[in-house]
Amino acid sequence: MNIKHVTTFGGVLLLSLGLNACAPLMVAGFAGSAMVASDRRTSGTQLEDETIELRSSARVRDALGEKAHVNITSFNRQVLLTGEVANDRDRQTVLGLVEKVENVRSVVNELSITPITTLSERSNDLLITAKVKGSLVDSRDLFANAFKVVTERGTVYLMGRVTQREASSATNVIRNVNGVNKVVRLFDIITEEELRNLLPPPPPPEKPADSSKPKS
């Protein structure tokens, strides 16, 4: 079985880093702003999500071997399953294995009972993901890195801790990206006040130069 973590797949990771470097993530140039803008989970939750993905992948790989292609993405302990399996029994097997992984809050099972996608199809999904991230970068009212993007057979799955305003704006932007067939939102909605609390405080005003001092 070909199990991959969508968020760590080499092509997406490298391209995402390149795109994200252009994003307006540094609020007033403060240290730590990029981290807040790019990931609104606590460091502990980020570690839990990585552990969930690793443990889930290992269990599914041991159970199904090369019989399926399963992507496992965890965000804020909500797990998204995408990819292809041979039959409904395998689909339920994957679901059951992941549900039993420690710290999993919920599982969204989007596995399809279809033949495993080809390299060409997966490459196209990677391209769509890159274009989606580029569109989010270009949108000035969004923190692009606040969104986790997963694409499977032209369907774009969005995860993240965002406000309702951000969720609606991102959806409208992504629907216009070429190649996107459908947008599925799996957001944890936060309030605008919660978002303000996540952002760093504005920098203090600069002190005016003391004109009374004689120039050297």
N, C-alpha and C. Protein backbone atom coordinates (compact mmCIF):
# COMPACT_ATOMS: atom_id res chain seq x y z
N MET A 1 0.83 -1.19 0.00
CA MET A 1 0.00 0.00 0.00
C MET A 1 0.87 1.24 0.00
N ASN A 2 0.45 2.23 -0.75
CA ASN A 2 1.19 3.48 -0.82
C ASN A 2 0.54 4.49 0.10
N ILE A 3 1.09 4.66 1.30
CA ILE A 3 0.57 5.62 2.25
C ILE A 3 1.45 6.84 2.23
N LYS A 4 0.85 8.00 2.10
CA LYS A 4 1.66 9.21 2.13
C LYS A 4 0.98 10.23 3.02
N HIS A 5 1.79 11.08 3.64
CA HIS A 5 1.26 12.21 4.38
C HIS A 5 1.21 13.38 3.40
N VAL A 6 0.03 13.85 3.11
CA VAL A 6 -0.09 14.90 2.11
C VAL A 6 0.73 16.12 2.51
N THR A 7 0.75 16.41 3.80
CA THR A 7 1.41 17.62 4.23
C THR A 7 2.91 17.52 4.19
N THR A 8 3.46 16.33 4.03
CA THR A 8 4.91 16.20 4.02
C THR A 8 5.44 15.62 2.72
N PHE A 9 4.58 15.45 1.73
CA PHE A 9 5.00 14.90 0.45
C PHE A 9 5.99 15.86 -0.20
N GLY A 10 7.10 15.32 -0.65
CA GLY A 10 8.21 16.15 -1.07
C GLY A 10 7.86 17.28 -2.00
N GLY A 11 7.14 16.99 -3.11
CA GLY A 11 6.87 18.02 -4.08
C GLY A 11 6.05 19.14 -3.51
N VAL A 12 5.00 18.78 -2.76
CA VAL A 12 4.15 19.80 -2.18
C VAL A 12 4.91 20.61 -1.16
N LEU A 13 5.71 19.94 -0.35
CA LEU A 13 6.43 20.64 0.70
C LEU A 13 7.38 21.67 0.12
N LEU A 14 8.16 21.29 -0.87
CA LEU A 14 9.13 22.21 -1.43
C LEU A 14 8.45 23.38 -2.11
N LEU A 15 7.40 23.08 -2.88
CA LEU A 15 6.71 24.14 -3.58
C LEU A 15 5.98 25.04 -2.60
N SER A 16 5.40 24.44 -1.57
CA SER A 16 4.69 25.23 -0.57
C SER A 16 5.63 26.18 0.14
N LEU A 17 6.82 25.70 0.47
CA LEU A 17 7.76 26.57 1.15
C LEU A 17 8.13 27.76 0.27
N GLY A 18 8.26 27.48 -1.03
CA GLY A 18 8.58 28.57 -1.94
C GLY A 18 7.47 29.58 -2.02
N LEU A 19 6.22 29.10 -2.10
CA LEU A 19 5.08 29.99 -2.17
C LEU A 19 4.89 30.74 -0.87
N ASN A 20 5.02 30.02 0.22
CA ASN A 20 4.74 30.63 1.51
C ASN A 20 5.75 31.71 1.87
N ALA A 21 6.93 31.62 1.29
CA ALA A 21 7.92 32.65 1.57
C ALA A 21 7.45 34.00 1.08
N CYS A 22 6.52 33.99 0.11
CA CYS A 22 6.02 35.24 -0.44
C CYS A 22 4.82 35.76 0.32
N ALA A 23 4.28 34.97 1.23
CA ALA A 23 3.04 35.35 1.91
C ALA A 23 3.29 36.45 2.92
N PRO A 24 2.29 37.33 3.11
CA PRO A 24 2.43 38.42 4.08
C PRO A 24 2.20 37.91 5.49
N LEU A 25 3.10 37.09 5.99
CA LEU A 25 2.88 36.44 7.27
C LEU A 25 3.52 37.19 8.43
N MET A 26 4.52 38.00 8.17
CA MET A 26 5.20 38.69 9.25
C MET A 26 4.43 39.96 9.59
N VAL A 27 3.72 39.94 10.68
CA VAL A 27 2.94 41.10 11.08
C VAL A 27 3.87 42.09 11.75
N ALA A 28 4.06 43.23 11.10
CA ALA A 28 4.92 44.30 11.61
C ALA A 28 6.34 43.81 11.88
N GLY A 29 6.74 42.72 11.24
CA GLY A 29 8.10 42.24 11.37
C GLY A 29 8.43 41.64 12.71
N PHE A 30 7.45 41.30 13.52
CA PHE A 30 7.72 40.76 14.85
C PHE A 30 8.15 39.31 14.79
N ALA A 31 9.12 38.93 15.61
CA ALA A 31 9.51 37.53 15.74
C ALA A 31 8.34 36.76 16.31
N GLY A 32 8.08 35.60 15.71
CA GLY A 32 6.96 34.78 16.17
C GLY A 32 5.70 35.02 15.38
N SER A 33 5.63 36.09 14.64
CA SER A 33 4.41 36.37 13.88
C SER A 33 4.17 35.31 12.82
N ALA A 34 5.24 34.89 12.15
CA ALA A 34 5.07 33.91 11.09
C ALA A 34 4.51 32.61 11.64
N MET A 35 4.98 32.20 12.82
CA MET A 35 4.47 30.97 13.40
C MET A 35 2.99 31.09 13.72
N VAL A 36 2.59 32.22 14.29
CA VAL A 36 1.17 32.42 14.61
C VAL A 36 0.34 32.42 13.35
N ALA A 37 0.82 33.13 12.33
CA ALA A 37 0.06 33.23 11.10
C ALA A 37 -0.01 31.92 10.37
N SER A 38 1.04 31.11 10.45
CA SER A 38 1.09 29.90 9.66
C SER A 38 0.43 28.71 10.34
N ASP A 39 0.36 28.71 11.65
CA ASP A 39 -0.24 27.57 12.34
C ASP A 39 -0.83 28.03 13.66
N ARG A 40 -2.13 27.94 13.77
CA ARG A 40 -2.82 28.45 14.95
C ARG A 40 -3.06 27.38 16.00
N ARG A 41 -2.45 26.22 15.83
CA ARG A 41 -2.50 25.18 16.85
C ARG A 41 -1.39 25.43 17.87
N THR A 42 -1.57 24.89 19.06
CA THR A 42 -0.48 24.93 20.03
C THR A 42 0.63 23.98 19.57
N SER A 43 1.82 24.18 20.10
CA SER A 43 2.92 23.29 19.73
C SER A 43 2.62 21.86 20.17
N GLY A 44 1.94 21.70 21.30
CA GLY A 44 1.57 20.37 21.76
C GLY A 44 0.61 19.69 20.80
N THR A 45 -0.37 20.43 20.28
CA THR A 45 -1.32 19.86 19.33
C THR A 45 -0.64 19.51 18.02
N GLN A 46 0.30 20.34 17.58
CA GLN A 46 1.04 20.03 16.36
C GLN A 46 1.77 18.71 16.50
N LEU A 47 2.39 18.50 17.66
CA LEU A 47 3.10 17.25 17.89
C LEU A 47 2.14 16.07 17.92
N GLU A 48 0.98 16.26 18.55
CA GLU A 48 -0.03 15.20 18.57
C GLU A 48 -0.47 14.84 17.16
N ASP A 49 -0.67 15.84 16.32
CA ASP A 49 -1.10 15.58 14.94
C ASP A 49 -0.05 14.78 14.17
N GLU A 50 1.21 15.14 14.34
CA GLU A 50 2.28 14.39 13.68
C GLU A 50 2.31 12.93 14.16
N THR A 51 2.13 12.76 15.45
CA THR A 51 2.14 11.41 16.01
C THR A 51 0.94 10.61 15.52
N ILE A 52 -0.21 11.24 15.44
CA ILE A 52 -1.41 10.57 14.93
C ILE A 52 -1.19 10.09 13.50
N GLU A 53 -0.61 10.93 12.68
CA GLU A 53 -0.36 10.54 11.28
C GLU A 53 0.59 9.36 11.20
N LEU A 54 1.67 9.41 11.97
CA LEU A 54 2.65 8.32 11.93
C LEU A 54 2.07 7.01 12.42
N ARG A 55 1.38 7.04 13.55
CA ARG A 55 0.81 5.81 14.10
C ARG A 55 -0.30 5.25 13.21
N SER A 56 -1.13 6.14 12.66
CA SER A 56 -2.20 5.69 11.78
C SER A 56 -1.63 5.04 10.53
N SER A 57 -0.63 5.65 9.94
CA SER A 57 -0.01 5.11 8.73
C SER A 57 0.57 3.73 8.98
N ALA A 58 1.25 3.58 10.11
CA ALA A 58 1.85 2.29 10.43
C ALA A 58 0.79 1.20 10.58
N ARG A 59 -0.30 1.52 11.25
CA ARG A 59 -1.36 0.52 11.46
C ARG A 59 -2.05 0.14 10.14
N VAL A 60 -2.31 1.13 9.31
CA VAL A 60 -2.96 0.84 8.04
C VAL A 60 -2.03 0.07 7.11
N ARG A 61 -0.77 0.44 7.11
CA ARG A 61 0.22 -0.27 6.28
C ARG A 61 0.32 -1.73 6.69
N ASP A 62 0.34 -1.99 8.00
CA ASP A 62 0.43 -3.37 8.48
C ASP A 62 -0.82 -4.17 8.11
N ALA A 63 -1.97 -3.50 8.05
CA ALA A 63 -3.23 -4.21 7.79
C ALA A 63 -3.47 -4.46 6.31
N LEU A 64 -3.11 -3.50 5.45
CA LEU A 64 -3.48 -3.61 4.04
C LEU A 64 -2.30 -3.72 3.08
N GLY A 65 -1.11 -3.49 3.55
CA GLY A 65 0.04 -3.63 2.67
C GLY A 65 -0.06 -2.74 1.44
N GLU A 66 0.10 -3.33 0.26
CA GLU A 66 0.08 -2.58 -1.00
C GLU A 66 -1.30 -2.57 -1.66
N LYS A 67 -2.31 -2.97 -0.94
CA LYS A 67 -3.64 -3.11 -1.54
C LYS A 67 -4.38 -1.78 -1.69
N ALA A 68 -3.88 -0.74 -1.07
CA ALA A 68 -4.62 0.52 -1.09
C ALA A 68 -3.66 1.70 -1.12
N HIS A 69 -4.22 2.85 -1.44
CA HIS A 69 -3.47 4.12 -1.43
C HIS A 69 -4.22 5.05 -0.47
N VAL A 70 -3.65 5.27 0.72
CA VAL A 70 -4.35 6.01 1.77
C VAL A 70 -3.52 7.21 2.20
N ASN A 71 -4.13 8.39 2.18
CA ASN A 71 -3.52 9.60 2.71
C ASN A 71 -4.13 9.89 4.07
N ILE A 72 -3.30 10.17 5.05
CA ILE A 72 -3.77 10.44 6.41
C ILE A 72 -3.29 11.82 6.81
N THR A 73 -4.23 12.71 7.06
CA THR A 73 -3.91 14.09 7.43
C THR A 73 -4.63 14.43 8.72
N SER A 74 -3.87 14.84 9.73
CA SER A 74 -4.47 15.21 11.01
C SER A 74 -4.25 16.69 11.28
N PHE A 75 -5.33 17.38 11.64
CA PHE A 75 -5.23 18.79 12.02
C PHE A 75 -6.09 19.02 13.25
N ASN A 76 -5.47 19.48 14.32
CA ASN A 76 -6.17 19.71 15.58
C ASN A 76 -6.88 18.44 16.04
N ARG A 77 -6.22 17.30 15.78
CA ARG A 77 -6.68 15.97 16.17
C ARG A 77 -7.91 15.49 15.40
N GLN A 78 -8.30 16.21 14.36
CA GLN A 78 -9.32 15.71 13.42
C GLN A 78 -8.58 15.09 12.24
N VAL A 79 -8.91 13.85 11.91
CA VAL A 79 -8.16 13.11 10.88
C VAL A 79 -8.98 13.02 9.61
N LEU A 80 -8.35 13.37 8.51
CA LEU A 80 -8.95 13.24 7.18
C LEU A 80 -8.32 12.05 6.47
N LEU A 81 -9.17 11.14 5.99
CA LEU A 81 -8.72 10.00 5.21
C LEU A 81 -9.11 10.21 3.75
N THR A 82 -8.13 10.22 2.87
CA THR A 82 -8.40 10.30 1.44
C THR A 82 -7.60 9.24 0.71
N GLY A 83 -7.96 8.98 -0.53
CA GLY A 83 -7.27 7.97 -1.30
C GLY A 83 -8.23 6.91 -1.81
N GLU A 84 -7.67 5.73 -2.13
CA GLU A 84 -8.47 4.69 -2.77
C GLU A 84 -8.25 3.34 -2.09
N VAL A 85 -9.34 2.62 -1.93
CA VAL A 85 -9.29 1.24 -1.41
C VAL A 85 -10.09 0.33 -2.33
N ALA A 86 -9.88 -0.98 -2.17
CA ALA A 86 -10.48 -1.94 -3.10
C ALA A 86 -11.96 -2.20 -2.84
N ASN A 87 -12.37 -2.12 -1.58
CA ASN A 87 -13.76 -2.46 -1.25
C ASN A 87 -14.17 -1.79 0.06
N ASP A 88 -15.44 -1.91 0.39
CA ASP A 88 -15.95 -1.25 1.59
C ASP A 88 -15.37 -1.86 2.86
N ARG A 89 -15.05 -3.14 2.83
CA ARG A 89 -14.45 -3.75 4.01
C ARG A 89 -13.12 -3.10 4.33
N ASP A 90 -12.28 -2.86 3.31
CA ASP A 90 -11.01 -2.18 3.55
C ASP A 90 -11.24 -0.75 4.02
N ARG A 91 -12.26 -0.12 3.46
CA ARG A 91 -12.58 1.26 3.86
C ARG A 91 -12.92 1.32 5.35
N GLN A 92 -13.73 0.38 5.80
CA GLN A 92 -14.10 0.34 7.21
C GLN A 92 -12.94 -0.09 8.10
N THR A 93 -12.08 -0.95 7.55
CA THR A 93 -10.90 -1.36 8.31
C THR A 93 -10.01 -0.17 8.62
N VAL A 94 -9.76 0.66 7.60
CA VAL A 94 -8.92 1.84 7.80
C VAL A 94 -9.57 2.76 8.83
N LEU A 95 -10.86 2.99 8.69
CA LEU A 95 -11.56 3.86 9.64
C LEU A 95 -11.42 3.35 11.07
N GLY A 96 -11.65 2.06 11.26
CA GLY A 96 -11.58 1.49 12.59
C GLY A 96 -10.19 1.59 13.20
N LEU A 97 -9.16 1.37 12.38
CA LEU A 97 -7.79 1.45 12.88
C LEU A 97 -7.43 2.86 13.31
N VAL A 98 -7.83 3.84 12.52
CA VAL A 98 -7.47 5.22 12.83
C VAL A 98 -8.26 5.74 14.02
N GLU A 99 -9.50 5.36 14.13
CA GLU A 99 -10.32 5.81 15.26
C GLU A 99 -9.74 5.39 16.60
N LYS A 100 -8.99 4.29 16.61
CA LYS A 100 -8.44 3.77 17.86
C LYS A 100 -7.07 4.36 18.22
N VAL A 101 -6.54 5.21 17.34
CA VAL A 101 -5.24 5.83 17.63
C VAL A 101 -5.43 6.86 18.74
N GLU A 102 -4.49 6.88 19.67
CA GLU A 102 -4.57 7.79 20.81
C GLU A 102 -4.63 9.25 20.37
N ASN A 103 -5.49 10.02 21.02
CA ASN A 103 -5.67 11.46 20.84
C ASN A 103 -6.49 11.84 19.62
N VAL A 104 -6.98 10.88 18.84
CA VAL A 104 -7.83 11.21 17.70
C VAL A 104 -9.18 11.71 18.20
N ARG A 105 -9.56 12.90 17.75
CA ARG A 105 -10.83 13.51 18.17
C ARG A 105 -11.98 13.06 17.28
N SER A 106 -11.74 13.02 15.99
CA SER A 106 -12.77 12.59 15.04
C SER A 106 -12.09 12.20 13.74
N VAL A 107 -12.80 11.43 12.91
CA VAL A 107 -12.26 10.98 11.63
C VAL A 107 -13.27 11.28 10.53
N VAL A 108 -12.80 11.91 9.46
CA VAL A 108 -13.61 12.15 8.27
C VAL A 108 -13.13 11.18 7.21
N ASN A 109 -13.97 10.21 6.87
CA ASN A 109 -13.57 9.15 5.95
C ASN A 109 -13.99 9.48 4.52
N GLU A 110 -13.05 9.97 3.73
CA GLU A 110 -13.29 10.31 2.33
C GLU A 110 -12.62 9.31 1.38
N LEU A 111 -12.32 8.12 1.87
CA LEU A 111 -11.73 7.09 1.03
C LEU A 111 -12.72 6.65 -0.04
N SER A 112 -12.23 6.48 -1.25
CA SER A 112 -13.09 6.06 -2.37
C SER A 112 -12.80 4.61 -2.73
N ILE A 113 -13.84 3.90 -3.09
CA ILE A 113 -13.69 2.52 -3.56
C ILE A 113 -13.50 2.57 -5.07
N THR A 114 -12.29 2.81 -5.47
CA THR A 114 -11.93 2.97 -6.88
C THR A 114 -10.51 2.45 -7.08
N PRO A 115 -10.11 2.24 -8.34
CA PRO A 115 -8.72 1.85 -8.60
C PRO A 115 -7.76 2.91 -8.09
N ILE A 116 -6.58 2.48 -7.70
CA ILE A 116 -5.57 3.40 -7.20
C ILE A 116 -5.18 4.40 -8.28
N THR A 117 -5.05 5.67 -7.89
CA THR A 117 -4.72 6.71 -8.84
C THR A 117 -3.34 6.51 -9.44
N THR A 118 -3.18 7.00 -10.66
CA THR A 118 -1.90 6.89 -11.36
C THR A 118 -0.96 8.02 -10.92
N LEU A 119 0.29 7.88 -11.29
CA LEU A 119 1.28 8.93 -10.99
C LEU A 119 0.87 10.24 -11.64
N SER A 120 0.33 10.16 -12.85
CA SER A 120 -0.11 11.38 -13.54
C SER A 120 -1.24 12.07 -12.78
N GLU A 121 -2.18 11.30 -12.29
CA GLU A 121 -3.30 11.88 -11.54
C GLU A 121 -2.82 12.52 -10.25
N ARG A 122 -1.88 11.88 -9.58
CA ARG A 122 -1.37 12.44 -8.34
C ARG A 122 -0.55 13.70 -8.61
N SER A 123 0.17 13.71 -9.70
CA SER A 123 0.93 14.91 -10.08
C SER A 123 -0.01 16.07 -10.34
N ASN A 124 -1.15 15.77 -10.96
CA ASN A 124 -2.14 16.82 -11.21
C ASN A 124 -2.71 17.36 -9.91
N ASP A 125 -2.93 16.48 -8.95
CA ASP A 125 -3.41 16.93 -7.64
C ASP A 125 -2.38 17.82 -6.95
N LEU A 126 -1.11 17.48 -7.08
CA LEU A 126 -0.05 18.31 -6.50
C LEU A 126 -0.04 19.69 -7.14
N LEU A 127 -0.26 19.73 -8.45
CA LEU A 127 -0.29 21.01 -9.16
C LEU A 127 -1.47 21.85 -8.68
N ILE A 128 -2.62 21.21 -8.51
CA ILE A 128 -3.80 21.94 -8.02
C ILE A 128 -3.54 22.49 -6.62
N THR A 129 -2.94 21.67 -5.76
CA THR A 129 -2.61 22.14 -4.41
C THR A 129 -1.72 23.37 -4.47
N ALA A 130 -0.71 23.34 -5.34
CA ALA A 130 0.20 24.48 -5.48
C ALA A 130 -0.55 25.72 -5.96
N LYS A 131 -1.46 25.54 -6.91
CA LYS A 131 -2.21 26.69 -7.42
C LYS A 131 -3.16 27.24 -6.36
N VAL A 132 -3.75 26.35 -5.57
CA VAL A 132 -4.63 26.79 -4.49
C VAL A 132 -3.85 27.61 -3.47
N LYS A 133 -2.67 27.12 -3.08
CA LYS A 133 -1.86 27.86 -2.11
C LYS A 133 -1.41 29.19 -2.69
N GLY A 134 -1.09 29.21 -3.97
CA GLY A 134 -0.72 30.47 -4.61
C GLY A 134 -1.86 31.47 -4.60
N SER A 135 -3.07 30.99 -4.82
CA SER A 135 -4.24 31.87 -4.80
C SER A 135 -4.49 32.42 -3.40
N LEU A 136 -4.26 31.60 -2.38
CA LEU A 136 -4.42 32.07 -1.00
C LEU A 136 -3.36 33.12 -0.67
N VAL A 137 -2.15 32.92 -1.17
CA VAL A 137 -1.09 33.90 -0.97
C VAL A 137 -1.47 35.24 -1.59
N ASP A 138 -2.05 35.19 -2.78
CA ASP A 138 -2.42 36.41 -3.50
C ASP A 138 -3.59 37.15 -2.86
N SER A 139 -4.36 36.44 -2.03
CA SER A 139 -5.50 37.08 -1.38
C SER A 139 -5.01 37.84 -0.15
N ARG A 140 -5.10 39.14 -0.17
CA ARG A 140 -4.49 39.97 0.86
C ARG A 140 -5.23 39.93 2.19
N ASP A 141 -6.46 39.43 2.21
CA ASP A 141 -7.20 39.41 3.47
C ASP A 141 -7.11 38.06 4.17
N LEU A 142 -6.20 37.17 3.70
CA LEU A 142 -6.05 35.84 4.29
C LEU A 142 -4.61 35.56 4.65
N PHE A 143 -4.40 34.83 5.76
CA PHE A 143 -3.10 34.28 6.07
C PHE A 143 -3.03 32.91 5.38
N ALA A 144 -2.30 32.83 4.29
CA ALA A 144 -2.29 31.61 3.49
C ALA A 144 -1.90 30.38 4.29
N ASN A 145 -0.95 30.53 5.19
CA ASN A 145 -0.44 29.37 5.91
C ASN A 145 -1.34 28.94 7.07
N ALA A 146 -2.45 29.64 7.26
CA ALA A 146 -3.41 29.20 8.27
C ALA A 146 -4.25 28.04 7.75
N PHE A 147 -4.13 27.76 6.45
CA PHE A 147 -4.93 26.72 5.82
C PHE A 147 -4.08 25.51 5.46
N LYS A 148 -4.59 24.34 5.77
CA LYS A 148 -3.97 23.10 5.30
C LYS A 148 -4.78 22.61 4.10
N VAL A 149 -4.09 22.36 2.99
CA VAL A 149 -4.75 22.02 1.73
C VAL A 149 -4.40 20.59 1.33
N VAL A 150 -5.42 19.80 1.05
CA VAL A 150 -5.25 18.42 0.58
C VAL A 150 -6.09 18.27 -0.69
N THR A 151 -5.48 17.76 -1.75
CA THR A 151 -6.22 17.56 -3.00
C THR A 151 -6.22 16.10 -3.38
N GLU A 152 -7.39 15.59 -3.72
CA GLU A 152 -7.53 14.19 -4.13
C GLU A 152 -8.50 14.13 -5.31
N ARG A 153 -7.95 13.74 -6.48
CA ARG A 153 -8.76 13.62 -7.70
C ARG A 153 -9.57 14.89 -7.99
N GLY A 154 -8.94 16.04 -7.81
CA GLY A 154 -9.55 17.32 -8.13
C GLY A 154 -10.42 17.91 -7.03
N THR A 155 -10.67 17.15 -5.98
CA THR A 155 -11.41 17.67 -4.83
C THR A 155 -10.43 18.26 -3.83
N VAL A 156 -10.66 19.50 -3.43
CA VAL A 156 -9.78 20.19 -2.50
C VAL A 156 -10.41 20.17 -1.11
N TYR A 157 -9.66 19.66 -0.15
CA TYR A 157 -10.09 19.63 1.25
C TYR A 157 -9.32 20.72 2.00
N LEU A 158 -10.05 21.52 2.74
CA LEU A 158 -9.45 22.61 3.50
C LEU A 158 -9.60 22.36 4.99
N MET A 159 -8.48 22.49 5.72
CA MET A 159 -8.49 22.34 7.16
C MET A 159 -7.82 23.57 7.77
N GLY A 160 -8.15 23.86 9.02
CA GLY A 160 -7.52 24.98 9.69
C GLY A 160 -8.42 25.55 10.77
N ARG A 161 -7.84 26.38 11.62
CA ARG A 161 -8.59 27.13 12.64
C ARG A 161 -8.76 28.54 12.10
N VAL A 162 -9.95 28.82 11.57
CA VAL A 162 -10.19 30.09 10.88
C VAL A 162 -11.53 30.67 11.30
N THR A 163 -11.71 31.94 11.04
CA THR A 163 -12.99 32.59 11.30
C THR A 163 -13.96 32.27 10.17
N GLN A 164 -15.23 32.54 10.40
CA GLN A 164 -16.22 32.32 9.34
C GLN A 164 -15.93 33.19 8.14
N ARG A 165 -15.45 34.41 8.41
CA ARG A 165 -15.09 35.31 7.32
C ARG A 165 -13.96 34.71 6.48
N GLU A 166 -12.93 34.20 7.14
CA GLU A 166 -11.81 33.59 6.42
C GLU A 166 -12.24 32.35 5.65
N ALA A 167 -13.10 31.55 6.26
CA ALA A 167 -13.58 30.34 5.61
C ALA A 167 -14.32 30.66 4.31
N SER A 168 -15.20 31.65 4.38
CA SER A 168 -15.98 32.03 3.19
C SER A 168 -15.10 32.63 2.12
N SER A 169 -14.17 33.50 2.53
CA SER A 169 -13.28 34.14 1.57
C SER A 169 -12.40 33.12 0.88
N ALA A 170 -11.83 32.19 1.63
CA ALA A 170 -10.95 31.17 1.05
C ALA A 170 -11.73 30.27 0.08
N THR A 171 -12.94 29.91 0.46
CA THR A 171 -13.74 29.04 -0.40
C THR A 171 -14.02 29.73 -1.73
N ASN A 172 -14.39 31.01 -1.68
CA ASN A 172 -14.68 31.75 -2.91
C ASN A 172 -13.45 31.86 -3.80
N VAL A 173 -12.28 32.05 -3.17
CA VAL A 173 -11.04 32.15 -3.95
C VAL A 173 -10.72 30.82 -4.62
N ILE A 174 -10.84 29.74 -3.89
CA ILE A 174 -10.40 28.44 -4.38
C ILE A 174 -11.34 27.89 -5.44
N ARG A 175 -12.61 28.20 -5.35
CA ARG A 175 -13.55 27.71 -6.35
C ARG A 175 -13.21 28.20 -7.76
N ASN A 176 -12.47 29.27 -7.85
CA ASN A 176 -12.11 29.83 -9.15
C ASN A 176 -10.76 29.32 -9.67
N VAL A 177 -10.11 28.45 -8.91
CA VAL A 177 -8.82 27.91 -9.35
C VAL A 177 -9.06 26.84 -10.40
N ASN A 178 -8.32 26.92 -11.48
CA ASN A 178 -8.48 25.96 -12.57
C ASN A 178 -8.13 24.55 -12.11
N GLY A 179 -9.02 23.60 -12.41
CA GLY A 179 -8.79 22.21 -12.05
C GLY A 179 -9.52 21.75 -10.81
N VAL A 180 -10.01 22.70 -10.00
CA VAL A 180 -10.72 22.34 -8.77
C VAL A 180 -12.15 21.93 -9.12
N ASN A 181 -12.49 20.69 -8.79
CA ASN A 181 -13.84 20.19 -9.05
C ASN A 181 -14.81 20.46 -7.90
N LYS A 182 -14.27 20.45 -6.69
CA LYS A 182 -15.12 20.56 -5.51
C LYS A 182 -14.27 21.03 -4.34
N VAL A 183 -14.88 21.77 -3.43
CA VAL A 183 -14.20 22.23 -2.22
C VAL A 183 -14.94 21.66 -1.01
N VAL A 184 -14.20 20.95 -0.15
CA VAL A 184 -14.77 20.39 1.08
C VAL A 184 -14.10 21.08 2.26
N ARG A 185 -14.91 21.72 3.12
CA ARG A 185 -14.38 22.48 4.24
C ARG A 185 -14.48 21.66 5.53
N LEU A 186 -13.34 21.52 6.20
CA LEU A 186 -13.27 20.79 7.46
C LEU A 186 -12.66 21.69 8.53
N PHE A 187 -13.16 22.90 8.63
CA PHE A 187 -12.57 23.91 9.49
C PHE A 187 -13.02 23.76 10.94
N ASP A 188 -12.14 24.23 11.84
CA ASP A 188 -12.52 24.55 13.21
C ASP A 188 -12.74 26.06 13.23
N ILE A 189 -13.98 26.49 13.36
CA ILE A 189 -14.31 27.90 13.28
C ILE A 189 -14.02 28.59 14.62
N ILE A 190 -13.30 29.71 14.54
CA ILE A 190 -13.02 30.53 15.71
C ILE A 190 -13.65 31.90 15.51
N THR A 191 -13.77 32.66 16.57
CA THR A 191 -14.35 33.99 16.47
C THR A 191 -13.28 35.00 16.06
N GLU A 192 -13.74 36.18 15.64
CA GLU A 192 -12.80 37.24 15.29
C GLU A 192 -11.99 37.65 16.52
N GLU A 193 -12.61 37.63 17.68
CA GLU A 193 -11.89 37.96 18.91
C GLU A 193 -10.79 36.95 19.20
N GLU A 194 -11.11 35.67 18.99
CA GLU A 194 -10.09 34.63 19.18
C GLU A 194 -8.93 34.83 18.22
N LEU A 195 -9.24 35.21 16.98
CA LEU A 195 -8.19 35.47 16.00
C LEU A 195 -7.31 36.63 16.45
N ARG A 196 -7.93 37.72 16.93
CA ARG A 196 -7.14 38.87 17.40
C ARG A 196 -6.20 38.46 18.54
N ASN A 197 -6.68 37.58 19.39
CA ASN A 197 -5.85 37.13 20.51
C ASN A 197 -4.68 36.27 20.05
N LEU A 198 -4.82 35.64 18.89
CA LEU A 198 -3.74 34.82 18.35
C LEU A 198 -2.64 35.66 17.71
N LEU A 199 -3.01 36.84 17.23
CA LEU A 199 -2.05 37.69 16.54
C LEU A 199 -1.19 38.46 17.54
N PRO A 200 0.06 38.74 17.17
CA PRO A 200 0.94 39.48 18.08
C PRO A 200 0.49 40.93 18.21
N PRO A 201 0.83 41.60 19.29
CA PRO A 201 0.45 43.00 19.45
C PRO A 201 1.18 43.88 18.45
N PRO A 202 0.60 45.03 18.11
CA PRO A 202 1.29 45.93 17.18
C PRO A 202 2.57 46.48 17.79
N PRO A 203 3.52 46.86 16.97
CA PRO A 203 4.80 47.37 17.50
C PRO A 203 4.59 48.74 18.15
N PRO A 204 5.39 49.07 19.15
CA PRO A 204 5.27 50.40 19.76
C PRO A 204 5.69 51.47 18.77
N PRO A 205 5.12 52.66 18.88
CA PRO A 205 5.49 53.73 17.93
C PRO A 205 6.96 54.13 18.12
N GLU A 206 7.58 54.47 17.02
CA GLU A 206 8.98 54.88 17.08
C GLU A 206 9.10 56.24 17.76
N LYS A 207 10.13 56.38 18.58
CA LYS A 207 10.36 57.66 19.23
C LYS A 207 10.95 58.66 18.24
N PRO A 208 10.43 59.88 18.23
CA PRO A 208 11.00 60.87 17.31
C PRO A 208 12.42 61.21 17.72
N ALA A 209 13.21 61.57 16.73
CA ALA A 209 14.60 61.94 16.99
C ALA A 209 14.65 63.21 17.83
N ASP A 210 15.58 63.29 18.76
CA ASP A 210 15.73 64.45 19.64
C ASP A 210 16.47 65.55 18.88
N SER A 211 15.70 66.55 18.45
CA SER A 211 16.29 67.62 17.64
C SER A 211 17.09 68.61 18.47
N SER A 212 16.98 68.51 19.82
CA SER A 212 17.69 69.47 20.67
C SER A 212 19.17 69.15 20.80
N LYS A 213 19.54 67.90 20.50
CA LYS A 213 20.94 67.51 20.60
C LYS A 213 21.74 68.09 19.44
N PRO A 214 22.91 68.66 19.73
CA PRO A 214 23.73 69.23 18.63
C PRO A 214 24.25 68.11 17.74
N LYS A 215 24.30 68.41 16.47
CA LYS A 215 24.82 67.43 15.51
C LYS A 215 26.34 67.42 15.59
N SER A 216 26.91 66.23 15.48
CA SER A 216 28.37 66.12 15.53
C SER A 216 28.95 66.44 14.18
